[in-house]
Amino acid sequence: MYADEILYAFMEKAKDDPFIGPIHISLYVSLLTFYKRENVKAPISVFRRDVMKQSKIGSRDTYYKCLNDLKMCGYIQYIPSFNPLLGSLVYFLIK
């Protein structure tokens, strides 16, 4: 599925979701940017510092809260990596 189709489906679902706010949307769009850079290959491998910079999130607590919210609401699957050389894996669940 292409990044623009995923974004459209996400926005359609998120507009009625009371748990999703502007920071969640910024984080999701940032993750989609990395997805697009990897030529639409799933899962994507991301590093927290890169995603935080891209999404303009300044706090690790906010980053992890929003990431977990997206996971718990069924927008993404997140598999953390505790190895600093390997990025965490993200799958997009919206079709």
N, C-alpha and C. Protein backbone atom coordinates (compact mmCIF):
# COMPACT_ATOMS: atom_id res chain seq x y z
N MET A 1 0.85 -1.18 0.00
CA MET A 1 0.00 0.00 0.00
C MET A 1 0.90 1.25 0.00
N TYR A 2 0.50 2.26 -0.71
CA TYR A 2 1.29 3.47 -0.81
C TYR A 2 1.08 4.38 0.39
N ALA A 3 2.10 5.19 0.67
CA ALA A 3 2.08 6.07 1.84
C ALA A 3 0.88 7.01 1.83
N ASP A 4 0.52 7.55 0.67
CA ASP A 4 -0.60 8.49 0.63
C ASP A 4 -1.93 7.79 0.93
N GLU A 5 -2.07 6.52 0.54
CA GLU A 5 -3.28 5.77 0.85
C GLU A 5 -3.37 5.47 2.35
N ILE A 6 -2.21 5.15 2.94
CA ILE A 6 -2.17 4.89 4.37
C ILE A 6 -2.52 6.16 5.13
N LEU A 7 -1.95 7.28 4.70
CA LEU A 7 -2.23 8.56 5.37
C LEU A 7 -3.71 8.91 5.27
N TYR A 8 -4.30 8.75 4.11
CA TYR A 8 -5.72 9.05 3.93
C TYR A 8 -6.57 8.18 4.85
N ALA A 9 -6.27 6.87 4.89
CA ALA A 9 -7.04 5.96 5.74
C ALA A 9 -6.87 6.32 7.21
N PHE A 10 -5.64 6.67 7.60
CA PHE A 10 -5.39 7.08 8.99
C PHE A 10 -6.19 8.32 9.35
N MET A 11 -6.15 9.33 8.50
CA MET A 11 -6.84 10.58 8.79
C MET A 11 -8.35 10.37 8.86
N GLU A 12 -8.88 9.51 8.02
CA GLU A 12 -10.32 9.21 8.05
C GLU A 12 -10.70 8.55 9.38
N LYS A 13 -9.87 7.63 9.84
CA LYS A 13 -10.16 6.94 11.10
C LYS A 13 -9.87 7.85 12.30
N ALA A 14 -8.79 8.61 12.25
CA ALA A 14 -8.36 9.43 13.38
C ALA A 14 -9.29 10.61 13.65
N LYS A 15 -9.98 11.10 12.63
CA LYS A 15 -10.83 12.28 12.84
C LYS A 15 -11.95 12.01 13.83
N ASP A 16 -12.36 10.75 13.97
CA ASP A 16 -13.42 10.40 14.90
C ASP A 16 -12.89 9.73 16.17
N ASP A 17 -11.58 9.66 16.30
CA ASP A 17 -10.96 9.00 17.44
C ASP A 17 -10.59 10.05 18.49
N PRO A 18 -11.24 10.04 19.66
CA PRO A 18 -10.98 11.06 20.67
C PRO A 18 -9.59 10.95 21.31
N PHE A 19 -8.90 9.83 21.11
CA PHE A 19 -7.58 9.64 21.71
C PHE A 19 -6.45 10.18 20.84
N ILE A 20 -6.75 10.55 19.61
CA ILE A 20 -5.72 11.00 18.68
C ILE A 20 -5.74 12.52 18.58
N GLY A 21 -4.57 13.12 18.86
CA GLY A 21 -4.43 14.57 18.80
C GLY A 21 -3.34 14.98 17.83
N PRO A 22 -3.00 16.25 17.81
CA PRO A 22 -2.01 16.76 16.85
C PRO A 22 -0.63 16.11 16.96
N ILE A 23 -0.20 15.78 18.18
CA ILE A 23 1.12 15.17 18.32
C ILE A 23 1.11 13.76 17.76
N HIS A 24 0.02 13.03 17.96
CA HIS A 24 -0.11 11.70 17.38
C HIS A 24 -0.03 11.77 15.85
N ILE A 25 -0.72 12.75 15.31
CA ILE A 25 -0.74 12.92 13.84
C ILE A 25 0.65 13.26 13.33
N SER A 26 1.35 14.15 14.02
CA SER A 26 2.71 14.50 13.64
C SER A 26 3.63 13.27 13.68
N LEU A 27 3.50 12.48 14.72
CA LEU A 27 4.31 11.27 14.85
C LEU A 27 3.98 10.29 13.73
N TYR A 28 2.71 10.08 13.45
CA TYR A 28 2.30 9.14 12.41
C TYR A 28 2.81 9.60 11.04
N VAL A 29 2.69 10.88 10.75
CA VAL A 29 3.18 11.40 9.46
C VAL A 29 4.69 11.24 9.37
N SER A 30 5.39 11.45 10.46
CA SER A 30 6.84 11.25 10.46
C SER A 30 7.19 9.80 10.17
N LEU A 31 6.48 8.88 10.79
CA LEU A 31 6.72 7.46 10.52
C LEU A 31 6.45 7.14 9.06
N LEU A 32 5.40 7.74 8.50
CA LEU A 32 5.11 7.53 7.07
C LEU A 32 6.21 8.08 6.18
N THR A 33 6.84 9.16 6.61
CA THR A 33 7.96 9.72 5.85
C THR A 33 9.10 8.71 5.77
N PHE A 34 9.39 8.06 6.89
CA PHE A 34 10.44 7.04 6.88
C PHE A 34 10.01 5.84 6.03
N TYR A 35 8.74 5.50 6.06
CA TYR A 35 8.20 4.42 5.24
C TYR A 35 8.41 4.73 3.76
N LYS A 36 8.11 5.96 3.38
CA LYS A 36 8.28 6.37 1.99
C LYS A 36 9.76 6.37 1.58
N ARG A 37 10.64 6.81 2.49
CA ARG A 37 12.08 6.80 2.21
C ARG A 37 12.62 5.39 1.98
N GLU A 38 12.00 4.41 2.63
CA GLU A 38 12.44 3.03 2.47
C GLU A 38 11.73 2.36 1.30
N ASN A 39 11.19 3.17 0.41
CA ASN A 39 10.52 2.68 -0.81
C ASN A 39 9.38 1.72 -0.50
N VAL A 40 8.59 2.07 0.50
CA VAL A 40 7.37 1.35 0.85
C VAL A 40 7.66 -0.13 1.16
N LYS A 41 8.61 -0.33 2.06
CA LYS A 41 8.91 -1.68 2.54
C LYS A 41 8.51 -1.76 4.01
N ALA A 42 7.76 -2.79 4.33
CA ALA A 42 7.33 -2.96 5.72
C ALA A 42 8.04 -4.18 6.30
N PRO A 43 8.44 -4.17 7.52
CA PRO A 43 8.33 -3.06 8.46
C PRO A 43 9.42 -2.02 8.20
N ILE A 44 9.23 -0.85 8.78
CA ILE A 44 10.29 0.15 8.71
C ILE A 44 11.11 0.05 9.99
N SER A 45 12.37 0.40 9.88
CA SER A 45 13.27 0.43 11.02
C SER A 45 13.56 1.90 11.32
N VAL A 46 13.27 2.32 12.56
CA VAL A 46 13.43 3.73 12.92
C VAL A 46 14.18 3.87 14.23
N PHE A 47 14.81 5.02 14.37
CA PHE A 47 15.50 5.38 15.60
C PHE A 47 14.75 6.54 16.25
N ARG A 48 14.57 6.45 17.56
CA ARG A 48 13.80 7.45 18.30
C ARG A 48 14.26 8.87 18.02
N ARG A 49 15.56 9.10 18.06
CA ARG A 49 16.06 10.47 17.89
C ARG A 49 15.69 11.03 16.52
N ASP A 50 15.70 10.20 15.49
CA ASP A 50 15.35 10.65 14.14
C ASP A 50 13.86 10.97 14.02
N VAL A 51 13.04 10.10 14.59
CA VAL A 51 11.59 10.31 14.52
C VAL A 51 11.19 11.52 15.35
N MET A 52 11.79 11.68 16.53
CA MET A 52 11.48 12.84 17.36
C MET A 52 11.85 14.13 16.65
N LYS A 53 12.99 14.14 16.00
CA LYS A 53 13.41 15.35 15.27
C LYS A 53 12.45 15.65 14.12
N GLN A 54 12.10 14.62 13.37
CA GLN A 54 11.20 14.78 12.22
C GLN A 54 9.82 15.26 12.66
N SER A 55 9.32 14.71 13.76
CA SER A 55 7.96 15.03 14.20
C SER A 55 7.90 16.24 15.14
N LYS A 56 9.07 16.81 15.46
CA LYS A 56 9.16 17.99 16.34
C LYS A 56 8.66 17.70 17.75
N ILE A 57 8.89 16.48 18.22
CA ILE A 57 8.55 16.11 19.58
C ILE A 57 9.81 16.27 20.43
N GLY A 58 9.73 17.06 21.49
CA GLY A 58 10.90 17.38 22.27
C GLY A 58 11.11 16.52 23.51
N SER A 59 10.12 15.75 23.89
CA SER A 59 10.19 14.97 25.12
C SER A 59 10.09 13.47 24.82
N ARG A 60 10.99 12.70 25.42
CA ARG A 60 10.93 11.25 25.26
C ARG A 60 9.63 10.69 25.82
N ASP A 61 9.18 11.24 26.94
CA ASP A 61 7.93 10.76 27.54
C ASP A 61 6.75 10.96 26.58
N THR A 62 6.69 12.12 25.96
CA THR A 62 5.63 12.41 24.99
C THR A 62 5.73 11.47 23.80
N TYR A 63 6.94 11.27 23.31
CA TYR A 63 7.17 10.38 22.17
C TYR A 63 6.64 8.98 22.48
N TYR A 64 7.07 8.42 23.60
CA TYR A 64 6.66 7.05 23.94
C TYR A 64 5.17 6.96 24.26
N LYS A 65 4.61 8.00 24.87
CA LYS A 65 3.17 7.99 25.15
C LYS A 65 2.38 7.95 23.84
N CYS A 66 2.75 8.82 22.90
CA CYS A 66 2.03 8.87 21.62
C CYS A 66 2.25 7.60 20.81
N LEU A 67 3.45 7.09 20.84
CA LEU A 67 3.74 5.84 20.13
C LEU A 67 2.89 4.70 20.69
N ASN A 68 2.83 4.61 22.01
CA ASN A 68 2.02 3.57 22.64
C ASN A 68 0.53 3.79 22.40
N ASP A 69 0.08 5.05 22.36
CA ASP A 69 -1.32 5.32 22.03
C ASP A 69 -1.65 4.83 20.62
N LEU A 70 -0.76 5.12 19.67
CA LEU A 70 -0.98 4.66 18.29
C LEU A 70 -1.02 3.14 18.23
N LYS A 71 -0.17 2.52 19.02
CA LYS A 71 -0.14 1.05 19.07
C LYS A 71 -1.43 0.51 19.70
N MET A 72 -1.82 1.06 20.85
CA MET A 72 -2.99 0.56 21.57
C MET A 72 -4.30 0.81 20.80
N CYS A 73 -4.33 1.87 20.00
CA CYS A 73 -5.53 2.17 19.21
C CYS A 73 -5.56 1.41 17.88
N GLY A 74 -4.53 0.63 17.60
CA GLY A 74 -4.54 -0.21 16.41
C GLY A 74 -4.07 0.44 15.13
N TYR A 75 -3.33 1.54 15.23
CA TYR A 75 -2.83 2.21 14.03
C TYR A 75 -1.50 1.63 13.57
N ILE A 76 -0.67 1.21 14.53
CA ILE A 76 0.65 0.66 14.19
C ILE A 76 0.93 -0.55 15.07
N GLN A 77 1.90 -1.34 14.63
CA GLN A 77 2.52 -2.35 15.49
C GLN A 77 3.93 -1.86 15.71
N TYR A 78 4.36 -1.79 16.95
CA TYR A 78 5.67 -1.27 17.31
C TYR A 78 6.44 -2.36 18.04
N ILE A 79 7.63 -2.67 17.51
CA ILE A 79 8.50 -3.67 18.14
C ILE A 79 9.80 -2.96 18.50
N PRO A 80 9.97 -2.66 19.81
CA PRO A 80 11.16 -1.91 20.21
C PRO A 80 12.44 -2.72 20.07
N SER A 81 13.50 -2.00 19.80
CA SER A 81 14.84 -2.58 19.77
C SER A 81 15.63 -1.92 20.88
N PHE A 82 16.25 -2.72 21.68
CA PHE A 82 17.04 -2.16 22.77
C PHE A 82 18.52 -2.13 22.40
N ASN A 83 18.80 -2.39 21.13
CA ASN A 83 20.15 -2.34 20.60
C ASN A 83 20.32 -0.98 19.91
N PRO A 84 21.31 -0.17 20.33
CA PRO A 84 21.47 1.16 19.74
C PRO A 84 21.87 1.15 18.27
N LEU A 85 22.27 0.00 17.76
CA LEU A 85 22.65 -0.09 16.35
C LEU A 85 21.52 -0.56 15.45
N LEU A 86 20.48 -1.10 16.07
CA LEU A 86 19.32 -1.58 15.31
C LEU A 86 18.10 -0.73 15.65
N GLY A 87 17.40 -0.28 14.65
CA GLY A 87 16.22 0.52 14.90
C GLY A 87 15.04 -0.33 15.33
N SER A 88 14.08 0.32 15.94
CA SER A 88 12.83 -0.35 16.29
C SER A 88 12.00 -0.55 15.02
N LEU A 89 11.17 -1.57 15.03
CA LEU A 89 10.36 -1.88 13.85
C LEU A 89 8.95 -1.35 14.00
N VAL A 90 8.44 -0.82 12.90
CA VAL A 90 7.07 -0.29 12.88
C VAL A 90 6.35 -0.84 11.66
N TYR A 91 5.16 -1.38 11.90
CA TYR A 91 4.25 -1.82 10.84
C TYR A 91 3.03 -0.91 10.88
N PHE A 92 2.50 -0.57 9.72
CA PHE A 92 1.27 0.20 9.64
C PHE A 92 0.11 -0.78 9.54
N LEU A 93 -0.89 -0.65 10.41
CA LEU A 93 -1.98 -1.59 10.46
C LEU A 93 -3.23 -1.13 9.73
N ILE A 94 -3.29 0.12 9.35
CA ILE A 94 -4.47 0.65 8.66
C ILE A 94 -4.39 0.29 7.18
N LYS A 95 -5.47 -0.24 6.69
CA LYS A 95 -5.53 -0.62 5.27
C LYS A 95 -6.69 0.08 4.61
